[in-house]
C-alpha atoms as a PDB file:
ATOM      1  CA  GLN A   1      15.540  -6.713 -17.604  1.00  0.00           C
ATOM      2  CA  CYS A   2      15.781  -7.490 -14.172  1.00  0.00           C
ATOM      3  CA  HIS A   3      17.750  -8.944 -11.409  1.00  0.00           C
ATOM      4  CA  VAL A   4      16.674 -11.365  -8.987  1.00  0.00           C
ATOM      5  CA  PHE A   5      18.430 -11.469  -5.288  1.00  0.00           C
ATOM      6  CA  HIS A   6      17.505 -13.893  -2.848  1.00  0.00           C
ATOM      7  CA  ASP A   7      17.865 -12.220   1.208  1.00  0.00           C
ATOM      8  CA  LEU A   8      20.284 -15.113   2.346  1.00  0.00           C
ATOM      9  CA  SER A   9      19.125 -14.095   5.953  1.00  0.00           C
ATOM     10  CA  PRO A  10      15.317 -13.207   5.642  1.00  0.00           C
ATOM     11  CA  GLN A  11      13.553 -11.948   8.966  1.00  0.00           C
ATOM     12  CA  ALA A  12      10.571 -13.686   7.748  1.00  0.00           C
ATOM     13  CA  GLY A  13      10.104 -16.593   5.659  1.00  0.00           C
ATOM     14  CA  MET A  14      11.190 -15.884   1.782  1.00  0.00           C
ATOM     15  CA  LEU A  15      12.920 -12.838   0.669  1.00  0.00           C
ATOM     16  CA  PHE A  16      13.568 -11.556  -2.736  1.00  0.00           C
ATOM     17  CA  LEU A  17      14.563  -8.498  -4.392  1.00  0.00           C
ATOM     18  CA  VAL A  18      13.424  -7.320  -7.957  1.00  0.00           C
ATOM     19  CA  MET A  19      15.543  -4.748  -9.449  1.00  0.00           C
ATOM     20  CA  PRO A  20      15.655  -3.356 -13.013  1.00  0.00           C
ATOM     21  CA  LYS A  21      18.615  -3.449 -14.926  1.00  0.00           C
ATOM     22  CA  GLU A  22      17.976   0.494 -16.077  1.00  0.00           C
ATOM     23  CA  PRO A  23      17.749   2.425 -12.406  1.00  0.00           C
ATOM     24  CA  ILE A  24      14.528   4.356 -11.377  1.00  0.00           C
ATOM     25  CA  ILE A  25      15.285   6.065  -7.627  1.00  0.00           C
ATOM     26  CA  GLY A  26      11.223   5.977  -7.072  1.00  0.00           C
ATOM     27  CA  LEU A  27       8.043   5.838  -8.087  1.00  0.00           C
ATOM     28  CA  SER A  28       7.887  10.036  -7.979  1.00  0.00           C
ATOM     29  CA  GLU A  29      10.445   9.783 -10.529  1.00  0.00           C
ATOM     30  CA  ALA A  30       9.598   7.137 -12.992  1.00  0.00           C
ATOM     31  CA  GLU A  31       7.402   9.283 -14.762  1.00  0.00           C
ATOM     32  CA  ASP A  32       5.890   7.740 -18.228  1.00  0.00           C
ATOM     33  CA  SER A  33       8.806   6.577 -19.400  1.00  0.00           C
ATOM     34  CA  GLY A  34       8.957   3.947 -16.609  1.00  0.00           C
ATOM     35  CA  GLU A  35       5.194   2.636 -16.871  1.00  0.00           C
ATOM     36  CA  SER A  36       6.755  -0.189 -18.817  1.00  0.00           C
ATOM     37  CA  HIS A  37      10.057  -0.843 -16.637  1.00  0.00           C
ATOM     38  CA  LEU A  38       7.744  -0.709 -13.174  1.00  0.00           C
ATOM     39  CA  GLY A  39       5.245  -3.588 -15.022  1.00  0.00           C
ATOM     40  CA  HIS A  40       8.328  -5.319 -16.123  1.00  0.00           C
ATOM     41  CA  VAL A  41       9.473  -5.537 -11.871  1.00  0.00           C
ATOM     42  CA  VAL A  42       5.774  -6.323 -10.963  1.00  0.00           C
ATOM     43  CA  ILE A  43       5.794  -9.845 -13.815  1.00  0.00           C
ATOM     44  CA  VAL A  44       9.232 -10.685 -13.168  1.00  0.00           C
ATOM     45  CA  GLY A  45       8.196 -10.767  -9.383  1.00  0.00           C
ATOM     46  CA  GLU A  46       5.143 -12.643  -9.862  1.00  0.00           C
ATOM     47  CA  LYS A  47       6.870 -14.768 -12.024  1.00  0.00           C
ATOM     48  CA  HIS A  48       9.635 -15.878 -10.011  1.00  0.00           C
ATOM     49  CA  ALA A  49       6.911 -16.024  -6.879  1.00  0.00           C
ATOM     50  CA  ALA A  50       5.224 -18.847  -8.845  1.00  0.00           C
ATOM     51  CA  HIS A  51       8.586 -20.388  -9.666  1.00  0.00           C
ATOM     52  CA  LEU A  52       9.744 -20.644  -5.479  1.00  0.00           C
ATOM     53  CA  GLY A  53       5.946 -22.052  -5.284  1.00  0.00           C
ATOM     54  CA  LEU A  54       4.139 -19.379  -3.341  1.00  0.00           C
ATOM     55  CA  THR A  55       1.129 -20.229  -4.961  1.00  0.00           C
ATOM     56  CA  SER A  56      -1.397 -19.362  -2.190  1.00  0.00           C
ATOM     57  CA  GLY A  57      -0.064 -15.420  -1.674  1.00  0.00           C
ATOM     58  CA  PHE A  58       3.177 -13.169  -1.585  1.00  0.00           C
ATOM     59  CA  GLN A  59       3.209  -9.644  -0.539  1.00  0.00           C
ATOM     60  CA  MET A  60       5.243  -7.230  -3.068  1.00  0.00           C
ATOM     61  CA  VAL A  61       6.402  -3.765  -1.432  1.00  0.00           C
ATOM     62  CA  VAL A  62       7.439  -0.545  -2.932  1.00  0.00           C
ATOM     63  CA  TYR A  63       9.599   1.966  -0.578  1.00  0.00           C
ATOM     64  CA  GLU A  64       9.346   5.751  -1.756  1.00  0.00           C
ATOM     65  CA  GLY A  65      11.643   7.997   0.018  1.00  0.00           C
ATOM     66  CA  PRO A  66      13.096   8.328   3.148  1.00  0.00           C
ATOM     67  CA  LYS A  67      10.114   8.697   5.241  1.00  0.00           C
ATOM     68  CA  GLY A  68       8.489   6.115   3.541  1.00  0.00           C
ATOM     69  CA  GLY A  69      11.292   3.393   4.660  1.00  0.00           C
ATOM     70  CA  GLN A  70      13.159   3.441   1.215  1.00  0.00           C
ATOM     71  CA  SER A  71      16.900   3.584   2.503  1.00  0.00           C
ATOM     72  CA  VAL A  72      18.432   2.374  -1.127  1.00  0.00           C
ATOM     73  CA  ASN A  73      18.303   5.188  -4.011  1.00  0.00           C
ATOM     74  CA  ARG A  74      16.926   2.616  -6.447  1.00  0.00           C
ATOM     75  CA  ILE A  75      13.474   0.588  -6.574  1.00  0.00           C
END
């Protein structure tokens, strides 16, 4: 299960966030048990992009750790 949030004031084009309901702090802490959750987040993101008509391409980004730009302790 995931939540999808749209940025009301994106700096470029369109931005939405996909967050799993079960918190995953970061990729480095996901371990084997998080694989299905992480895969589900990617699939939900792809389906939502298709729903929005983003058929010519889109970008998915995951920030990992403070030096990687992660500002919220949750994927």
